[in-house]
Protein backbone atom coordinates (compact mmCIF):
# COMPACT_ATOMS: atom_id res chain seq x y z
CA UNK A 1 -78.58 77.66 163.54
CA UNK A 2 -75.02 79.96 163.86
CA UNK A 3 -75.10 82.46 166.14
CA UNK A 4 -72.95 84.15 163.04
CA UNK A 5 -75.75 84.83 161.22
CA UNK A 6 -76.58 87.56 163.58
CA UNK A 7 -73.29 89.58 164.47
CA UNK A 8 -74.54 92.07 161.30
CA UNK A 9 -78.03 92.52 162.25
CA UNK A 10 -79.58 95.74 161.15
CA UNK A 11 -83.06 96.56 162.53
CA UNK A 12 -85.68 98.34 159.98
CA UNK A 13 -88.14 98.97 162.57
CA UNK A 14 -87.83 100.27 166.48
CA UNK A 15 -90.07 101.81 169.07
CA UNK A 16 -90.27 105.40 169.03
CA UNK A 17 -91.32 107.27 172.52
CA UNK A 18 -92.29 110.01 170.33
CA UNK A 19 -94.95 108.21 167.65
CA UNK A 20 -95.94 105.65 170.62
CA UNK A 21 -95.25 103.31 168.03
CA UNK A 22 -92.97 100.57 166.41
CA UNK A 23 -91.95 102.83 163.56
CA UNK A 24 -89.74 102.43 160.04
CA UNK A 25 -85.98 103.65 160.54
CA UNK A 26 -83.25 105.30 158.61
CA UNK A 27 -79.49 104.35 159.41
CA UNK A 28 -77.35 107.74 159.52
CA UNK A 29 -73.91 107.51 159.70
CA UNK A 30 -72.89 108.86 163.59
CA UNK A 31 -69.30 108.69 163.61
CA UNK A 32 -66.24 106.94 162.16
CA UNK A 33 -63.36 106.00 164.52
CA UNK A 34 -60.21 104.28 164.07
CA UNK A 35 -61.51 101.16 165.20
CA UNK A 36 -65.34 101.65 164.68
CA UNK A 37 -68.18 103.17 163.06
CA UNK A 38 -71.42 104.29 164.80
CA UNK A 39 -74.39 104.37 163.48
CA UNK A 40 -78.08 106.55 164.31
CA UNK A 41 -81.39 104.93 163.68
CA UNK A 42 -84.14 107.70 162.87
CA UNK A 43 -87.98 107.38 163.16
CA UNK A 44 -89.14 108.13 159.71
CA UNK A 45 -92.28 109.28 161.17
CA UNK A 46 -90.84 112.15 163.37
CA UNK A 47 -87.25 112.19 163.17
CA UNK A 48 -85.87 111.59 166.74
CA UNK A 49 -83.11 109.33 167.55
CA UNK A 50 -84.51 105.83 168.44
CA UNK A 51 -80.99 104.16 168.66
CA UNK A 52 -77.49 103.32 167.51
CA UNK A 53 -75.27 100.49 166.27
CA UNK A 54 -71.78 100.07 166.12
CA UNK A 55 -69.78 98.21 163.82
CA UNK A 56 -66.15 97.45 164.77
CA UNK A 57 -63.53 97.37 161.71
CA UNK A 58 -63.39 93.50 162.21
CA UNK A 59 -67.23 93.24 161.90
CA UNK A 60 -66.97 95.11 158.61
CA UNK A 61 -64.20 93.20 157.10
CA UNK A 62 -66.28 89.81 157.67
CA UNK A 63 -69.19 91.58 156.36
CA UNK A 64 -67.03 92.57 152.85
CA UNK A 65 -65.25 88.99 152.72
CA UNK A 66 -68.93 87.21 153.29
CA UNK A 67 -70.20 89.71 150.06
CA UNK A 68 -67.11 89.35 147.93
CA UNK A 69 -67.86 85.46 148.96
CA UNK A 70 -71.50 85.44 147.74
CA UNK A 71 -70.63 87.24 144.81
CA UNK A 72 -67.81 84.96 143.59
CA UNK A 73 -70.32 82.13 144.05
CA UNK A 74 -72.81 83.73 142.03
CA UNK A 75 -70.49 84.24 139.14
CA UNK A 76 -69.68 80.97 139.10
CA UNK A 77 -73.19 79.96 138.85
CA UNK A 78 -73.92 82.15 136.32
CA UNK A 79 -70.74 81.48 134.20
CA UNK A 80 -71.48 77.63 134.08
């Protein structure tokens, strides 16, 4: 397996100290900087912050390129 598969990993649930359990989370954009974006993970049960994720400009560009390539590949499959 390629390690590049896990570079843009997003959490769907994280442990919450307040709820004392692994809880579903929602992602909220916290800060936009010239070279990265910082997202905050909020517990859906109590609303506490349970983690953060940073996306650099390079990762964002690679993700957009991969999505574009996937969409083009699917469009080609359906047009054949």
